[in-house]
PDB file of all heavy atoms in Angstrom:
ATOM      1  N   ARG A   1      92.544  66.988 123.623  1.00  0.00           N
ATOM      2  CA  ARG A   1      91.864  66.552 124.848  1.00  0.00           C
ATOM      3  C   ARG A   1      90.444  66.057 124.590  1.00  0.00           C
ATOM      4  O   ARG A   1      89.827  65.450 125.459  1.00  0.00           O
ATOM      5  CB  ARG A   1      91.829  67.692 125.865  1.00  0.00           C
ATOM      6  CG  ARG A   1      93.193  68.133 126.284  1.00  0.00           C
ATOM      7  CD  ARG A   1      93.224  69.226 127.318  1.00  0.00           C
ATOM      8  NE  ARG A   1      92.049  70.059 127.358  1.00  0.00           N
ATOM      9  CZ  ARG A   1      91.867  71.062 128.203  1.00  0.00           C
ATOM     10  NH1 ARG A   1      92.799  71.322 129.074  1.00  0.00           N
ATOM     11  NH2 ARG A   1      90.778  71.790 128.172  1.00  0.00           N
ATOM     12  N   GLY A   2      89.923  66.359 123.414  1.00  0.00           N
ATOM     13  CA  GLY A   2      88.582  65.883 123.057  1.00  0.00           C
ATOM     14  C   GLY A   2      87.444  66.650 123.679  1.00  0.00           C
ATOM     15  O   GLY A   2      86.291  66.211 123.648  1.00  0.00           O
ATOM     16  N   ASP A   3      87.711  67.839 124.235  1.00  0.00           N
ATOM     17  CA  ASP A   3      86.635  68.593 124.892  1.00  0.00           C
ATOM     18  C   ASP A   3      86.325  69.930 124.178  1.00  0.00           C
ATOM     19  O   ASP A   3      85.483  70.705 124.630  1.00  0.00           O
ATOM     20  CB  ASP A   3      86.975  68.863 126.348  1.00  0.00           C
ATOM     21  CG  ASP A   3      88.262  69.644 126.536  1.00  0.00           C
ATOM     22  OD1 ASP A   3      88.888  70.061 125.547  1.00  0.00           O
ATOM     23  OD2 ASP A   3      88.639  69.837 127.713  1.00  0.00           O
ATOM     24  N   GLY A   4      87.035  70.229 123.085  1.00  0.00           N
ATOM     25  CA  GLY A   4      86.796  71.461 122.363  1.00  0.00           C
ATOM     26  C   GLY A   4      87.392  72.694 122.986  1.00  0.00           C
ATOM     27  O   GLY A   4      87.112  73.806 122.566  1.00  0.00           O
ATOM     28  N   LEU A   5      88.227  72.509 124.012  1.00  0.00           N
ATOM     29  CA  LEU A   5      88.814  73.641 124.726  1.00  0.00           C
ATOM     30  C   LEU A   5      90.338  73.640 124.629  1.00  0.00           C
ATOM     31  O   LEU A   5      90.957  72.596 124.510  1.00  0.00           O
ATOM     32  CB  LEU A   5      88.402  73.609 126.198  1.00  0.00           C
ATOM     33  CG  LEU A   5      86.923  73.581 126.490  1.00  0.00           C
ATOM     34  CD1 LEU A   5      86.657  73.401 127.973  1.00  0.00           C
ATOM     35  CD2 LEU A   5      86.238  74.825 125.983  1.00  0.00           C
ATOM     36  N   ASP A   6      90.925  74.831 124.683  1.00  0.00           N
ATOM     37  CA  ASP A   6      92.367  74.922 124.661  1.00  0.00           C
ATOM     38  C   ASP A   6      92.916  74.729 126.089  1.00  0.00           C
ATOM     39  O   ASP A   6      92.162  74.467 127.022  1.00  0.00           O
ATOM     40  CB  ASP A   6      92.851  76.254 124.037  1.00  0.00           C
ATOM     41  CG  ASP A   6      92.446  77.472 124.841  1.00  0.00           C
ATOM     42  OD1 ASP A   6      92.069  77.365 126.022  1.00  0.00           O
ATOM     43  OD2 ASP A   6      92.548  78.589 124.284  1.00  0.00           O
ATOM     44  N   ALA A   7      94.230  74.891 126.254  1.00  0.00           N
ATOM     45  CA  ALA A   7      94.879  74.653 127.561  1.00  0.00           C
ATOM     46  C   ALA A   7      94.345  75.573 128.653  1.00  0.00           C
ATOM     47  O   ALA A   7      94.347  75.210 129.844  1.00  0.00           O
ATOM     48  CB  ALA A   7      96.399  74.805 127.414  1.00  0.00           C
ATOM     49  N   GLU A   8      93.861  76.783 128.276  1.00  0.00           N
ATOM     50  CA  GLU A   8      93.318  77.705 129.284  1.00  0.00           C
ATOM     51  C   GLU A   8      91.821  77.527 129.511  1.00  0.00           C
ATOM     52  O   GLU A   8      91.215  78.271 130.267  1.00  0.00           O
ATOM     53  CB  GLU A   8      93.594  79.157 128.815  1.00  0.00           C
ATOM     54  CG  GLU A   8      95.043  79.589 128.906  1.00  0.00           C
ATOM     55  CD  GLU A   8      95.864  79.069 127.733  1.00  0.00           C
ATOM     56  OE1 GLU A   8      95.358  79.048 126.594  1.00  0.00           O
ATOM     57  OE2 GLU A   8      97.005  78.655 127.947  1.00  0.00           O
ATOM     58  N   GLY A   9      91.186  76.576 128.828  1.00  0.00           N
ATOM     59  CA  GLY A   9      89.775  76.338 129.006  1.00  0.00           C
ATOM     60  C   GLY A   9      88.883  77.162 128.097  1.00  0.00           C
ATOM     61  O   GLY A   9      87.656  77.133 128.220  1.00  0.00           O
ATOM     62  N   ALA A  10      89.469  77.906 127.147  1.00  0.00           N
ATOM     63  CA  ALA A  10      88.670  78.689 126.178  1.00  0.00           C
ATOM     64  C   ALA A  10      88.352  77.826 124.956  1.00  0.00           C
ATOM     65  O   ALA A  10      89.095  76.879 124.649  1.00  0.00           O
ATOM     66  CB  ALA A  10      89.463  79.927 125.767  1.00  0.00           C
ATOM     67  N   PRO A  11      87.243  78.103 124.262  1.00  0.00           N
ATOM     68  CA  PRO A  11      86.933  77.335 123.059  1.00  0.00           C
ATOM     69  C   PRO A  11      88.054  77.400 122.027  1.00  0.00           C
ATOM     70  O   PRO A  11      88.669  78.456 121.842  1.00  0.00           O
ATOM     71  CB  PRO A  11      85.666  78.030 122.526  1.00  0.00           C
ATOM     72  CG  PRO A  11      85.075  78.722 123.685  1.00  0.00           C
ATOM     73  CD  PRO A  11      86.242  79.128 124.562  1.00  0.00           C
ATOM     74  N   LEU A  12      88.315  76.284 121.378  1.00  0.00           N
ATOM     75  CA  LEU A  12      89.351  76.226 120.351  1.00  0.00           C
ATOM     76  C   LEU A  12      88.992  77.187 119.206  1.00  0.00           C
ATOM     77  O   LEU A  12      87.820  77.281 118.818  1.00  0.00           O
ATOM     78  CB  LEU A  12      89.479  74.815 119.786  1.00  0.00           C
ATOM     79  CG  LEU A  12      90.169  73.797 120.685  1.00  0.00           C
ATOM     80  CD1 LEU A  12      90.035  72.409 120.074  1.00  0.00           C
ATOM     81  CD2 LEU A  12      91.624  74.135 120.864  1.00  0.00           C
ATOM     82  N   GLN A  13      89.982  77.853 118.699  1.00  0.00           N
ATOM     83  CA  GLN A  13      89.791  78.775 117.566  1.00  0.00           C
ATOM     84  C   GLN A  13      90.501  78.181 116.349  1.00  0.00           C
ATOM     85  O   GLN A  13      91.480  77.436 116.493  1.00  0.00           O
ATOM     86  CB  GLN A  13      90.391  80.142 117.887  1.00  0.00           C
ATOM     87  CG  GLN A  13      89.732  80.838 119.060  1.00  0.00           C
ATOM     88  CD  GLN A  13      88.252  81.128 118.788  1.00  0.00           C
ATOM     89  OE1 GLN A  13      87.915  81.622 117.718  1.00  0.00           O
ATOM     90  NE2 GLN A  13      87.404  80.808 119.733  1.00  0.00           N
ATOM     91  N   PRO A  14      90.031  78.495 115.139  1.00  0.00           N
ATOM     92  CA  PRO A  14      90.698  77.946 113.946  1.00  0.00           C
ATOM     93  C   PRO A  14      92.162  78.412 113.904  1.00  0.00           C
ATOM     94  O   PRO A  14      92.458  79.551 114.271  1.00  0.00           O
ATOM     95  CB  PRO A  14      89.920  78.574 112.795  1.00  0.00           C
ATOM     96  CG  PRO A  14      88.626  79.022 113.370  1.00  0.00           C
ATOM     97  CD  PRO A  14      88.880  79.325 114.802  1.00  0.00           C
ATOM     98  N   PRO A  15      93.058  77.519 113.547  1.00  0.00           N
ATOM     99  CA  PRO A  15      94.471  77.914 113.437  1.00  0.00           C
ATOM    100  C   PRO A  15      94.639  78.916 112.314  1.00  0.00           C
ATOM    101  O   PRO A  15      93.991  78.827 111.280  1.00  0.00           O
ATOM    102  CB  PRO A  15      95.193  76.587 113.149  1.00  0.00           C
ATOM    103  CG  PRO A  15      94.172  75.670 112.643  1.00  0.00           C
ATOM    104  CD  PRO A  15      92.849  76.111 113.174  1.00  0.00           C
ATOM    105  N   MET A  16      95.497  79.897 112.526  1.00  0.00           N
ATOM    106  CA  MET A  16      95.761  80.909 111.549  1.00  0.00           C
ATOM    107  C   MET A  16      97.160  80.739 111.016  1.00  0.00           C
ATOM    108  O   MET A  16      98.042  80.226 111.705  1.00  0.00           O
ATOM    109  CB  MET A  16      95.595  82.305 112.152  1.00  0.00           C
ATOM    110  CG  MET A  16      94.233  82.549 112.782  1.00  0.00           C
ATOM    111  SD  MET A  16      92.881  82.309 111.662  1.00  0.00           S
ATOM    112  CE  MET A  16      92.877  83.858 110.835  1.00  0.00           C
ATOM    113  N   GLY A  17      97.392  81.195 109.800  1.00  0.00           N
ATOM    114  CA  GLY A  17      98.729  81.127 109.221  1.00  0.00           C
ATOM    115  C   GLY A  17      98.673  80.761 107.757  1.00  0.00           C
ATOM    116  O   GLY A  17      97.611  80.550 107.194  1.00  0.00           O
ATOM    117  N   GLU A  18      99.842  80.712 107.172  1.00  0.00           N
ATOM    118  CA  GLU A  18      99.931  80.366 105.746  1.00  0.00           C
ATOM    119  C   GLU A  18      99.843  78.866 105.587  1.00  0.00           C
ATOM    120  O   GLU A  18     100.357  78.097 106.388  1.00  0.00           O
ATOM    121  CB  GLU A  18     101.256  80.883 105.178  1.00  0.00           C
ATOM    122  CG  GLU A  18     101.342  82.366 105.159  1.00  0.00           C
ATOM    123  CD  GLU A  18     102.680  82.845 104.621  1.00  0.00           C
ATOM    124  OE1 GLU A  18     103.625  82.017 104.491  1.00  0.00           O
ATOM    125  OE2 GLU A  18     102.793  84.039 104.345  1.00  0.00           O
ATOM    126  N   GLN A  19      99.226  78.465 104.514  1.00  0.00           N
ATOM    127  CA  GLN A  19      99.121  77.036 104.210  1.00  0.00           C
ATOM    128  C   GLN A  19      99.954  76.782 102.951  1.00  0.00           C
ATOM    129  O   GLN A  19      99.792  77.456 101.950  1.00  0.00           O
ATOM    130  CB  GLN A  19      97.656  76.671 103.966  1.00  0.00           C
ATOM    131  CG  GLN A  19      97.483  75.212 103.630  1.00  0.00           C
ATOM    132  CD  GLN A  19      96.017  74.853 103.412  1.00  0.00           C
ATOM    133  OE1 GLN A  19      95.168  75.723 103.323  1.00  0.00           O
ATOM    134  NE2 GLN A  19      95.742  73.583 103.321  1.00  0.00           N
ATOM    135  N   ARG A  20     100.837  75.829 103.045  1.00  0.00           N
ATOM    136  CA  ARG A  20     101.666  75.476 101.891  1.00  0.00           C
ATOM    137  C   ARG A  20     101.066  74.256 101.205  1.00  0.00           C
ATOM    138  O   ARG A  20     100.759  73.250 101.872  1.00  0.00           O
ATOM    139  CB  ARG A  20     103.082  75.190 102.320  1.00  0.00           C
ATOM    140  CG  ARG A  20     103.736  76.450 102.971  1.00  0.00           C
ATOM    141  CD  ARG A  20     105.190  76.182 103.274  1.00  0.00           C
ATOM    142  NE  ARG A  20     105.777  77.363 103.882  1.00  0.00           N
ATOM    143  CZ  ARG A  20     106.285  78.370 103.201  1.00  0.00           C
ATOM    144  NH1 ARG A  20     106.267  78.368 101.890  1.00  0.00           N
ATOM    145  NH2 ARG A  20     106.808  79.403 103.821  1.00  0.00           N
ATOM    146  N   ILE A  21     100.894  74.386  99.923  1.00  0.00           N
ATOM    147  CA  ILE A  21     100.297  73.277  99.159  1.00  0.00           C
ATOM    148  C   ILE A  21     101.294  72.758  98.132  1.00  0.00           C
ATOM    149  O   ILE A  21     101.812  73.520  97.306  1.00  0.00           O
ATOM    150  CB  ILE A  21      99.015  73.789  98.429  1.00  0.00           C
ATOM    151  CG1 ILE A  21      98.034  74.302  99.478  1.00  0.00           C
ATOM    152  CG2 ILE A  21      98.401  72.696  97.580  1.00  0.00           C
ATOM    153  CD1 ILE A  21      96.826  74.999  98.883  1.00  0.00           C
ATOM    154  N   ARG A  22     101.568  71.481  98.200  1.00  0.00           N
ATOM    155  CA  ARG A  22     102.492  70.845  97.232  1.00  0.00           C
ATOM    156  C   ARG A  22     101.674  70.442  96.019  1.00  0.00           C
ATOM    157  O   ARG A  22     100.704  69.692  96.137  1.00  0.00           O
ATOM    158  CB  ARG A  22     103.197  69.657  97.847  1.00  0.00           C
ATOM    159  CG  ARG A  22     104.214  69.030  96.904  1.00  0.00           C
ATOM    160  CD  ARG A  22     105.041  67.963  97.585  1.00  0.00           C
ATOM    161  NE  ARG A  22     105.771  68.437  98.732  1.00  0.00           N
ATOM    162  CZ  ARG A  22     106.937  69.094  98.682  1.00  0.00           C
ATOM    163  NH1 ARG A  22     107.468  69.375  97.539  1.00  0.00           N
ATOM    164  NH2 ARG A  22     107.525  69.452  99.788  1.00  0.00           N
ATOM    165  N   HIS A  23     102.074  70.927  94.863  1.00  0.00           N
ATOM    166  CA  HIS A  23     101.412  70.589  93.607  1.00  0.00           C
ATOM    167  C   HIS A  23     101.980  69.308  93.024  1.00  0.00           C
ATOM    168  O   HIS A  23     103.038  68.836  93.472  1.00  0.00           O
ATOM    169  CB  HIS A  23     101.572  71.758  92.617  1.00  0.00           C
ATOM    170  CG  HIS A  23     100.814  72.971  93.060  1.00  0.00           C
ATOM    171  ND1 HIS A  23      99.643  73.362  92.477  1.00  0.00           N
ATOM    172  CD2 HIS A  23     101.047  73.885  94.057  1.00  0.00           C
ATOM    173  CE1 HIS A  23      99.212  74.444  93.088  1.00  0.00           C
ATOM    174  NE2 HIS A  23     100.043  74.778  94.030  1.00  0.00           N
ATOM    175  N   ARG A  24     101.324  68.749  92.037  1.00  0.00           N
ATOM    176  CA  ARG A  24     101.786  67.522  91.424  1.00  0.00           C
ATOM    177  C   ARG A  24     103.215  67.651  90.879  1.00  0.00           C
ATOM    178  O   ARG A  24     103.958  66.703  90.820  1.00  0.00           O
ATOM    179  CB  ARG A  24     100.860  67.115  90.287  1.00  0.00           C
ATOM    180  CG  ARG A  24      99.569  66.559  90.751  1.00  0.00           C
ATOM    181  CD  ARG A  24      98.756  66.071  89.574  1.00  0.00           C
ATOM    182  NE  ARG A  24      97.364  66.293  89.855  1.00  0.00           N
ATOM    183  CZ  ARG A  24      96.427  66.513  88.980  1.00  0.00           C
ATOM    184  NH1 ARG A  24      96.707  66.503  87.728  1.00  0.00           N
ATOM    185  NH2 ARG A  24      95.198  66.711  89.357  1.00  0.00           N
ATOM    186  N   SER A  25     103.522  68.854  90.415  1.00  0.00           N
ATOM    187  CA  SER A  25     104.869  69.096  89.852  1.00  0.00           C
ATOM    188  C   SER A  25     105.940  69.076  90.922  1.00  0.00           C
ATOM    189  O   SER A  25     107.120  69.060  90.603  1.00  0.00           O
ATOM    190  CB  SER A  25     104.876  70.447  89.155  1.00  0.00           C
ATOM    191  OG  SER A  25     104.714  71.493  90.096  1.00  0.00           O
TER     192      SER A  25
END
């Protein structure tokens, strides 16, 4: 939405979770 807020009007928080990284191999 470009306003820094989530659907409930609260400030966006960093997403949490595992990050998968594809290596060159």
